[in-house]
């Protein structure tokens, strides 16, 4: 039976349709894989190994679990990772990064039928949520099937923390059943505890994004990339990541004449 939350999602989608429908058409996102968005797709073949579904929302989370996928495969006993991602860019990156290592599936909308279809197809023994991303219907269905859910590379910003706190008992319902939280630092760990995760289930493990960093004197194709971007490799270069429009002018004005500036905007 559909849950009350499904009706709330439907009402919200209809009410916001004058905003999100034109935006999807303008950005081309209406051409996404709609069947997969509702949990449809091929069933994964049976396996004798434990299977873990790793939900990485978009590109950043997908990149962060690069080494985790290898660690699961090499563990004893070996664990089969399956990567689920929500955005089109995240899905494309996951297919590029993991196509020879593990299966990649689309994480569906959080309707009760959609999440049931996904879990029926994948049949995971456990779920790992990368950074956070708690979806009520998905969590409820995992509980119904006795599938433990953990947070890996856990991150809970001050803004998100405040929003969850305002939910009161609902936040505790979301956080209390988590089997484990591997938080990036103690600040995030304390926020998870405050929201209801039992302290003995919270561990500070550091950020997995640092684990995937590659340090080398030379990077393959660096010269070709510099040429494409118009970068002079003989001059200093400052890279500003996750920037907003108002910051670009400030950064440009702060650069000495001989220094090049490369901005990688947040959106």
C-alpha atoms as a PDB file:
ATOM      1  CA  UNK A   1       0.000   0.000   0.000  1.00  0.00           C
ATOM      2  CA  UNK A   2       1.271   3.527  -0.737  1.00  0.00           C
ATOM      3  CA  UNK A   3       2.448   5.344   2.361  1.00  0.00           C
ATOM      4  CA  UNK A   4       1.100   8.790   3.353  1.00  0.00           C
ATOM      5  CA  UNK A   5       4.485  10.215   2.441  1.00  0.00           C
ATOM      6  CA  UNK A   6       3.879   9.217  -1.192  1.00  0.00           C
ATOM      7  CA  UNK A   7       0.858  11.521  -1.302  1.00  0.00           C
ATOM      8  CA  UNK A   8       2.892  14.323   0.256  1.00  0.00           C
ATOM      9  CA  UNK A   9       5.556  13.874  -2.428  1.00  0.00           C
ATOM     10  CA  UNK A  10       2.858  13.940  -5.121  1.00  0.00           C
ATOM     11  CA  UNK A  11       1.267  17.124  -3.792  1.00  0.00           C
ATOM     12  CA  UNK A  12       4.667  18.792  -3.506  1.00  0.00           C
ATOM     13  CA  UNK A  13       5.671  17.754  -7.041  1.00  0.00           C
ATOM     14  CA  UNK A  14       2.433  19.077  -8.525  1.00  0.00           C
ATOM     15  CA  UNK A  15       2.637  22.342  -6.580  1.00  0.00           C
ATOM     16  CA  UNK A  16       6.239  22.941  -7.646  1.00  0.00           C
ATOM     17  CA  UNK A  17       5.766  21.765 -11.253  1.00  0.00           C
ATOM     18  CA  UNK A  18       5.643  25.332 -12.703  1.00  0.00           C
ATOM     19  CA  UNK A  19       9.224  25.677 -11.458  1.00  0.00           C
ATOM     20  CA  UNK A  20      10.845  22.276 -11.979  1.00  0.00           C
ATOM     21  CA  UNK A  21       9.233  21.301 -15.299  1.00  0.00           C
ATOM     22  CA  UNK A  22      10.515  24.334 -17.285  1.00  0.00           C
ATOM     23  CA  UNK A  23      13.882  24.016 -15.552  1.00  0.00           C
ATOM     24  CA  UNK A  24      14.220  20.349 -16.541  1.00  0.00           C
ATOM     25  CA  UNK A  25      13.308  21.155 -20.139  1.00  0.00           C
ATOM     26  CA  UNK A  26      15.715  24.087 -20.253  1.00  0.00           C
ATOM     27  CA  UNK A  27      18.623  22.030 -18.868  1.00  0.00           C
ATOM     28  CA  UNK A  28      17.783  18.879 -20.813  1.00  0.00           C
ATOM     29  CA  UNK A  29      17.226  16.834 -17.649  1.00  0.00           C
ATOM     30  CA  UNK A  30      13.820  15.714 -18.910  1.00  0.00           C
ATOM     31  CA  UNK A  31      15.725  13.247 -21.110  1.00  0.00           C
ATOM     32  CA  UNK A  32      16.832  11.245 -18.070  1.00  0.00           C
ATOM     33  CA  UNK A  33      16.207   7.510 -17.613  1.00  0.00           C
ATOM     34  CA  UNK A  34      12.654   7.768 -16.254  1.00  0.00           C
ATOM     35  CA  UNK A  35      12.047   4.010 -15.737  1.00  0.00           C
ATOM     36  CA  UNK A  36      15.147   3.846 -13.510  1.00  0.00           C
ATOM     37  CA  UNK A  37      13.948   6.932 -11.636  1.00  0.00           C
ATOM     38  CA  UNK A  38      11.017   4.807 -10.538  1.00  0.00           C
ATOM     39  CA  UNK A  39      13.157   1.824  -9.577  1.00  0.00           C
ATOM     40  CA  UNK A  40      12.801  -0.198 -12.777  1.00  0.00           C
ATOM     41  CA  UNK A  41      15.659  -2.037 -14.449  1.00  0.00           C
ATOM     42  CA  UNK A  42      17.380  -5.379 -14.748  1.00  0.00           C
ATOM     43  CA  UNK A  43      17.616  -7.695 -11.751  1.00  0.00           C
ATOM     44  CA  UNK A  44      21.140  -8.268 -10.503  1.00  0.00           C
ATOM     45  CA  UNK A  45      22.210 -11.925 -10.685  1.00  0.00           C
ATOM     46  CA  UNK A  46      22.405 -13.925  -7.439  1.00  0.00           C
ATOM     47  CA  UNK A  47      25.735 -13.929  -5.637  1.00  0.00           C
ATOM     48  CA  UNK A  48      27.306 -15.989  -2.879  1.00  0.00           C
ATOM     49  CA  UNK A  49      29.175 -12.948  -1.595  1.00  0.00           C
ATOM     50  CA  UNK A  50      27.642 -10.374   0.744  1.00  0.00           C
ATOM     51  CA  UNK A  51      26.345  -7.461  -1.334  1.00  0.00           C
ATOM     52  CA  UNK A  52      26.545  -3.827  -0.191  1.00  0.00           C
ATOM     53  CA  UNK A  53      24.626  -1.032  -1.892  1.00  0.00           C
ATOM     54  CA  UNK A  54      26.591   2.242  -1.744  1.00  0.00           C
ATOM     55  CA  UNK A  55      24.398   5.294  -2.361  1.00  0.00           C
ATOM     56  CA  UNK A  56      26.535   8.155  -3.686  1.00  0.00           C
ATOM     57  CA  UNK A  57      24.309  11.081  -4.653  1.00  0.00           C
ATOM     58  CA  UNK A  58      26.444  12.864  -7.249  1.00  0.00           C
ATOM     59  CA  UNK A  59      29.959  13.301  -8.630  1.00  0.00           C
ATOM     60  CA  UNK A  60      31.698  14.277  -5.382  1.00  0.00           C
ATOM     61  CA  UNK A  61      30.353  11.314  -3.436  1.00  0.00           C
ATOM     62  CA  UNK A  62      31.092   8.941  -6.329  1.00  0.00           C
ATOM     63  CA  UNK A  63      34.726  10.053  -6.438  1.00  0.00           C
ATOM     64  CA  UNK A  64      35.021   9.695  -2.661  1.00  0.00           C
ATOM     65  CA  UNK A  65      34.225   5.958  -2.671  1.00  0.00           C
ATOM     66  CA  UNK A  66      36.811   5.038  -5.311  1.00  0.00           C
ATOM     67  CA  UNK A  67      39.098   3.244  -2.849  1.00  0.00           C
ATOM     68  CA  UNK A  68      36.210   1.961  -0.709  1.00  0.00           C
ATOM     69  CA  UNK A  69      34.962  -0.088  -3.666  1.00  0.00           C
ATOM     70  CA  UNK A  70      38.415  -1.668  -3.973  1.00  0.00           C
ATOM     71  CA  UNK A  71      38.616  -2.315  -0.218  1.00  0.00           C
ATOM     72  CA  UNK A  72      35.280  -4.138  -0.213  1.00  0.00           C
ATOM     73  CA  UNK A  73      36.343  -6.318  -3.118  1.00  0.00           C
ATOM     74  CA  UNK A  74      39.666  -7.161  -1.425  1.00  0.00           C
ATOM     75  CA  UNK A  75      38.206  -7.768   2.046  1.00  0.00           C
ATOM     76  CA  UNK A  76      38.043 -11.239   3.559  1.00  0.00           C
ATOM     77  CA  UNK A  77      35.481 -12.489   2.852  1.00  0.00           C
ATOM     78  CA  UNK A  78      35.121 -10.519  -0.357  1.00  0.00           C
ATOM     79  CA  UNK A  79      32.127  -8.153  -0.498  1.00  0.00           C
ATOM     80  CA  UNK A  80      30.328  -7.218  -3.703  1.00  0.00           C
ATOM     81  CA  UNK A  81      29.774  -3.439  -3.949  1.00  0.00           C
ATOM     82  CA  UNK A  82      26.937  -1.977  -6.009  1.00  0.00           C
ATOM     83  CA  UNK A  83      27.017   1.799  -6.540  1.00  0.00           C
ATOM     84  CA  UNK A  84      23.724   3.710  -6.723  1.00  0.00           C
ATOM     85  CA  UNK A  85      23.687   7.366  -7.689  1.00  0.00           C
ATOM     86  CA  UNK A  86      20.899   9.878  -8.202  1.00  0.00           C
ATOM     87  CA  UNK A  87      22.024  12.652 -10.559  1.00  0.00           C
ATOM     88  CA  UNK A  88      22.771  12.257 -14.269  1.00  0.00           C
ATOM     89  CA  UNK A  89      26.307  13.600 -13.835  1.00  0.00           C
ATOM     90  CA  UNK A  90      26.881  11.283 -10.876  1.00  0.00           C
ATOM     91  CA  UNK A  91      25.604   8.307 -12.839  1.00  0.00           C
ATOM     92  CA  UNK A  92      27.843   9.097 -15.811  1.00  0.00           C
ATOM     93  CA  UNK A  93      30.863   9.471 -13.527  1.00  0.00           C
ATOM     94  CA  UNK A  94      30.089   6.214 -11.716  1.00  0.00           C
ATOM     95  CA  UNK A  95      29.805   4.328 -15.004  1.00  0.00           C
ATOM     96  CA  UNK A  96      33.137   5.795 -16.074  1.00  0.00           C
ATOM     97  CA  UNK A  97      34.893   5.026 -12.784  1.00  0.00           C
ATOM     98  CA  UNK A  98      33.427   1.633 -11.879  1.00  0.00           C
ATOM     99  CA  UNK A  99      32.334   0.005 -15.158  1.00  0.00           C
ATOM    100  CA  UNK A 100      35.044  -2.672 -14.874  1.00  0.00           C
ATOM    101  CA  UNK A 101      34.834  -3.071 -11.088  1.00  0.00           C
ATOM    102  CA  UNK A 102      31.210  -3.188  -9.993  1.00  0.00           C
ATOM    103  CA  UNK A 103      27.634  -2.643 -11.094  1.00  0.00           C
ATOM    104  CA  UNK A 104      26.132   0.851 -11.159  1.00  0.00           C
ATOM    105  CA  UNK A 105      22.394   1.492 -10.742  1.00  0.00           C
ATOM    106  CA  UNK A 106      20.235   4.576 -10.578  1.00  0.00           C
ATOM    107  CA  UNK A 107      18.877   5.518  -7.149  1.00  0.00           C
ATOM    108  CA  UNK A 108      15.125   6.132  -7.584  1.00  0.00           C
ATOM    109  CA  UNK A 109      12.663   8.690  -6.324  1.00  0.00           C
ATOM    110  CA  UNK A 110      11.722   8.070  -2.692  1.00  0.00           C
ATOM    111  CA  UNK A 111       8.271   6.617  -3.346  1.00  0.00           C
ATOM    112  CA  UNK A 112       7.413   3.355  -1.624  1.00  0.00           C
ATOM    113  CA  UNK A 113       6.999   1.382  -4.863  1.00  0.00           C
ATOM    114  CA  UNK A 114      10.180   2.795  -6.398  1.00  0.00           C
ATOM    115  CA  UNK A 115      12.406   1.879  -3.480  1.00  0.00           C
ATOM    116  CA  UNK A 116      10.813  -1.567  -3.241  1.00  0.00           C
ATOM    117  CA  UNK A 117      11.611  -2.187  -6.902  1.00  0.00           C
ATOM    118  CA  UNK A 118      15.242  -1.148  -6.383  1.00  0.00           C
ATOM    119  CA  UNK A 119      15.705  -3.374  -3.336  1.00  0.00           C
ATOM    120  CA  UNK A 120      13.976  -6.276  -5.094  1.00  0.00           C
ATOM    121  CA  UNK A 121      16.403  -5.923  -8.006  1.00  0.00           C
ATOM    122  CA  UNK A 122      19.616  -5.456  -6.023  1.00  0.00           C
ATOM    123  CA  UNK A 123      18.851  -7.528  -2.885  1.00  0.00           C
ATOM    124  CA  UNK A 124      21.591  -5.920  -0.753  1.00  0.00           C
ATOM    125  CA  UNK A 125      22.732  -7.381   2.555  1.00  0.00           C
ATOM    126  CA  UNK A 126      23.635  -3.886   3.782  1.00  0.00           C
ATOM    127  CA  UNK A 127      23.444  -0.261   2.636  1.00  0.00           C
ATOM    128  CA  UNK A 128      26.050   2.484   2.919  1.00  0.00           C
ATOM    129  CA  UNK A 129      24.894   6.091   2.531  1.00  0.00           C
ATOM    130  CA  UNK A 130      27.773   8.307   1.413  1.00  0.00           C
ATOM    131  CA  UNK A 131      27.966  11.500   3.524  1.00  0.00           C
ATOM    132  CA  UNK A 132      24.237  11.347   4.523  1.00  0.00           C
ATOM    133  CA  UNK A 133      21.185  11.459   2.216  1.00  0.00           C
ATOM    134  CA  UNK A 134      18.385  10.028   4.391  1.00  0.00           C
ATOM    135  CA  UNK A 135      15.206   9.214   2.454  1.00  0.00           C
ATOM    136  CA  UNK A 136      12.271   8.187   4.707  1.00  0.00           C
ATOM    137  CA  UNK A 137      10.587   5.614   2.449  1.00  0.00           C
ATOM    138  CA  UNK A 138      13.908   4.017   1.566  1.00  0.00           C
ATOM    139  CA  UNK A 139      14.935   3.786   5.222  1.00  0.00           C
ATOM    140  CA  UNK A 140      11.546   2.402   6.231  1.00  0.00           C
ATOM    141  CA  UNK A 141      11.718  -0.309   3.563  1.00  0.00           C
ATOM    142  CA  UNK A 142      15.253  -1.267   4.626  1.00  0.00           C
ATOM    143  CA  UNK A 143      14.033  -1.632   8.205  1.00  0.00           C
ATOM    144  CA  UNK A 144      11.124  -3.767   7.093  1.00  0.00           C
ATOM    145  CA  UNK A 145      13.575  -6.103   5.336  1.00  0.00           C
ATOM    146  CA  UNK A 146      16.111  -6.035   8.198  1.00  0.00           C
ATOM    147  CA  UNK A 147      18.772  -4.469   5.955  1.00  0.00           C
ATOM    148  CA  UNK A 148      21.277  -2.540   8.116  1.00  0.00           C
ATOM    149  CA  UNK A 149      21.978   1.010   6.952  1.00  0.00           C
ATOM    150  CA  UNK A 150      25.194   2.871   7.761  1.00  0.00           C
ATOM    151  CA  UNK A 151      26.584   6.304   6.877  1.00  0.00           C
ATOM    152  CA  UNK A 152      30.101   6.388   5.426  1.00  0.00           C
ATOM    153  CA  UNK A 153      32.236   9.519   5.084  1.00  0.00           C
ATOM    154  CA  UNK A 154      29.533  11.100   7.238  1.00  0.00           C
ATOM    155  CA  UNK A 155      29.023  14.821   6.934  1.00  0.00           C
ATOM    156  CA  UNK A 156      26.313  16.972   8.527  1.00  0.00           C
ATOM    157  CA  UNK A 157      26.633  20.696   7.838  1.00  0.00           C
ATOM    158  CA  UNK A 158      25.472  23.275  10.372  1.00  0.00           C
ATOM    159  CA  UNK A 159      22.588  24.218   8.099  1.00  0.00           C
ATOM    160  CA  UNK A 160      21.401  20.614   7.658  1.00  0.00           C
ATOM    161  CA  UNK A 161      21.878  19.973  11.359  1.00  0.00           C
ATOM    162  CA  UNK A 162      19.577  22.874  12.213  1.00  0.00           C
ATOM    163  CA  UNK A 163      16.921  21.648   9.801  1.00  0.00           C
ATOM    164  CA  UNK A 164      16.960  18.133  11.226  1.00  0.00           C
ATOM    165  CA  UNK A 165      16.789  19.432  14.802  1.00  0.00           C
ATOM    166  CA  UNK A 166      13.607  21.306  13.968  1.00  0.00           C
ATOM    167  CA  UNK A 167      12.019  18.005  12.947  1.00  0.00           C
ATOM    168  CA  UNK A 168      12.200  16.788  16.552  1.00  0.00           C
ATOM    169  CA  UNK A 169      10.927  13.193  16.909  1.00  0.00           C
ATOM    170  CA  UNK A 170      10.977  12.702  13.134  1.00  0.00           C
ATOM    171  CA  UNK A 171      14.741  13.287  13.104  1.00  0.00           C
ATOM    172  CA  UNK A 172      15.208  10.718  15.868  1.00  0.00           C
ATOM    173  CA  UNK A 173      13.111   8.256  13.843  1.00  0.00           C
ATOM    174  CA  UNK A 174      15.502   8.792  10.915  1.00  0.00           C
ATOM    175  CA  UNK A 175      18.791   8.692  12.801  1.00  0.00           C
ATOM    176  CA  UNK A 176      18.288   6.282  15.695  1.00  0.00           C
ATOM    177  CA  UNK A 177      18.114   3.055  13.609  1.00  0.00           C
ATOM    178  CA  UNK A 178      21.374   3.732  11.730  1.00  0.00           C
ATOM    179  CA  UNK A 179      23.641   0.740  12.293  1.00  0.00           C
ATOM    180  CA  UNK A 180      26.828   2.839  12.180  1.00  0.00           C
ATOM    181  CA  UNK A 181      28.130   6.291  11.284  1.00  0.00           C
ATOM    182  CA  UNK A 182      31.699   6.853  10.081  1.00  0.00           C
ATOM    183  CA  UNK A 183      31.967  10.641  10.456  1.00  0.00           C
ATOM    184  CA  UNK A 184      34.574  12.876   8.846  1.00  0.00           C
ATOM    185  CA  UNK A 185      35.410  14.738  12.072  1.00  0.00           C
ATOM    186  CA  UNK A 186      34.320  15.141  15.687  1.00  0.00           C
ATOM    187  CA  UNK A 187      32.048  18.109  14.939  1.00  0.00           C
ATOM    188  CA  UNK A 188      29.992  16.038  12.522  1.00  0.00           C
ATOM    189  CA  UNK A 189      30.112  13.049  14.876  1.00  0.00           C
ATOM    190  CA  UNK A 190      28.616  15.075  17.736  1.00  0.00           C
ATOM    191  CA  UNK A 191      25.822  16.311  15.480  1.00  0.00           C
ATOM    192  CA  UNK A 192      24.921  12.733  14.568  1.00  0.00           C
ATOM    193  CA  UNK A 193      24.832  11.816  18.274  1.00  0.00           C
ATOM    194  CA  UNK A 194      22.666  14.828  19.077  1.00  0.00           C
ATOM    195  CA  UNK A 195      20.142  13.800  16.425  1.00  0.00           C
ATOM    196  CA  UNK A 196      19.710  10.356  17.907  1.00  0.00           C
ATOM    197  CA  UNK A 197      22.444   8.003  16.726  1.00  0.00           C
ATOM    198  CA  UNK A 198      23.634   5.982  19.756  1.00  0.00           C
ATOM    199  CA  UNK A 199      27.171   7.122  20.692  1.00  0.00           C
ATOM    200  CA  UNK A 200      28.635   3.613  20.428  1.00  0.00           C
ATOM    201  CA  UNK A 201      27.665   3.534  16.743  1.00  0.00           C
ATOM    202  CA  UNK A 202      29.500   6.761  15.810  1.00  0.00           C
ATOM    203  CA  UNK A 203      33.183   6.686  14.828  1.00  0.00           C
ATOM    204  CA  UNK A 204      35.440   9.467  13.514  1.00  0.00           C
ATOM    205  CA  UNK A 205      37.321   8.140  10.487  1.00  0.00           C
ATOM    206  CA  UNK A 206      38.388  11.278   8.593  1.00  0.00           C
ATOM    207  CA  UNK A 207      37.388  12.284   5.076  1.00  0.00           C
ATOM    208  CA  UNK A 208      37.552   9.658   2.347  1.00  0.00           C
ATOM    209  CA  UNK A 209      38.085  12.398  -0.232  1.00  0.00           C
ATOM    210  CA  UNK A 210      41.673  12.805   1.002  1.00  0.00           C
ATOM    211  CA  UNK A 211      42.224   9.052   0.578  1.00  0.00           C
ATOM    212  CA  UNK A 212      41.449   9.264  -3.138  1.00  0.00           C
ATOM    213  CA  UNK A 213      43.858  12.152  -3.791  1.00  0.00           C
ATOM    214  CA  UNK A 214      46.756  11.262  -6.071  1.00  0.00           C
ATOM    215  CA  UNK A 215      50.082  13.068  -5.501  1.00  0.00           C
ATOM    216  CA  UNK A 216      52.604  12.844  -8.328  1.00  0.00           C
ATOM    217  CA  UNK A 217      55.229  14.958 -10.045  1.00  0.00           C
ATOM    218  CA  UNK A 218      53.490  14.513 -13.385  1.00  0.00           C
ATOM    219  CA  UNK A 219      49.853  13.804 -14.257  1.00  0.00           C
ATOM    220  CA  UNK A 220      49.044  12.084 -17.567  1.00  0.00           C
ATOM    221  CA  UNK A 221      47.541  14.423 -20.183  1.00  0.00           C
ATOM    222  CA  UNK A 222      48.305  17.494 -18.014  1.00  0.00           C
ATOM    223  CA  UNK A 223      49.925  19.363 -20.878  1.00  0.00           C
ATOM    224  CA  UNK A 224      47.037  18.659 -23.246  1.00  0.00           C
ATOM    225  CA  UNK A 225      44.529  19.831 -20.634  1.00  0.00           C
ATOM    226  CA  UNK A 226      46.537  22.999 -20.007  1.00  0.00           C
ATOM    227  CA  UNK A 227      46.555  23.760 -23.726  1.00  0.00           C
ATOM    228  CA  UNK A 228      42.784  23.235 -23.976  1.00  0.00           C
ATOM    229  CA  UNK A 229      42.149  25.572 -21.051  1.00  0.00           C
ATOM    230  CA  UNK A 230      44.664  28.195 -22.194  1.00  0.00           C
ATOM    231  CA  UNK A 231      46.898  27.735 -19.134  1.00  0.00           C
ATOM    232  CA  UNK A 232      50.547  28.786 -19.247  1.00  0.00           C
ATOM    233  CA  UNK A 233      52.360  26.059 -17.273  1.00  0.00           C
ATOM    234  CA  UNK A 234      55.344  28.353 -16.697  1.00  0.00           C
ATOM    235  CA  UNK A 235      53.274  30.780 -14.608  1.00  0.00           C
ATOM    236  CA  UNK A 236      51.666  30.299 -11.159  1.00  0.00           C
ATOM    237  CA  UNK A 237      48.066  29.070 -11.170  1.00  0.00           C
ATOM    238  CA  UNK A 238      45.442  29.447  -8.427  1.00  0.00           C
ATOM    239  CA  UNK A 239      42.450  27.090  -8.596  1.00  0.00           C
ATOM    240  CA  UNK A 240      39.312  28.241  -6.742  1.00  0.00           C
ATOM    241  CA  UNK A 241      36.798  25.440  -6.272  1.00  0.00           C
ATOM    242  CA  UNK A 242      33.061  25.539  -5.601  1.00  0.00           C
ATOM    243  CA  UNK A 243      32.837  29.270  -6.260  1.00  0.00           C
ATOM    244  CA  UNK A 244      29.741  31.459  -6.528  1.00  0.00           C
ATOM    245  CA  UNK A 245      29.217  34.280  -9.102  1.00  0.00           C
ATOM    246  CA  UNK A 246      29.919  37.115  -6.666  1.00  0.00           C
ATOM    247  CA  UNK A 247      33.236  35.559  -5.666  1.00  0.00           C
ATOM    248  CA  UNK A 248      34.730  35.467  -9.148  1.00  0.00           C
ATOM    249  CA  UNK A 249      35.318  39.213  -9.378  1.00  0.00           C
ATOM    250  CA  UNK A 250      36.766  39.331  -5.846  1.00  0.00           C
ATOM    251  CA  UNK A 251      39.179  36.510  -6.660  1.00  0.00           C
ATOM    252  CA  UNK A 252      40.202  38.115  -9.931  1.00  0.00           C
ATOM    253  CA  UNK A 253      40.905  41.458  -8.235  1.00  0.00           C
ATOM    254  CA  UNK A 254      42.994  39.691  -5.576  1.00  0.00           C
ATOM    255  CA  UNK A 255      45.322  37.991  -8.093  1.00  0.00           C
ATOM    256  CA  UNK A 256      48.726  39.555  -8.768  1.00  0.00           C
ATOM    257  CA  UNK A 257      49.336  40.312 -12.471  1.00  0.00           C
ATOM    258  CA  UNK A 258      51.590  37.285 -13.056  1.00  0.00           C
ATOM    259  CA  UNK A 259      49.210  34.772 -11.448  1.00  0.00           C
ATOM    260  CA  UNK A 260      46.572  32.856 -13.422  1.00  0.00           C
ATOM    261  CA  UNK A 261      43.135  32.137 -11.929  1.00  0.00           C
ATOM    262  CA  UNK A 262      40.967  29.098 -12.647  1.00  0.00           C
ATOM    263  CA  UNK A 263      37.458  29.043 -11.141  1.00  0.00           C
ATOM    264  CA  UNK A 264      35.467  25.824 -10.856  1.00  0.00           C
ATOM    265  CA  UNK A 265      31.953  27.096 -10.038  1.00  0.00           C
ATOM    266  CA  UNK A 266      29.668  25.282  -7.638  1.00  0.00           C
ATOM    267  CA  UNK A 267      26.880  25.427 -10.213  1.00  0.00           C
END
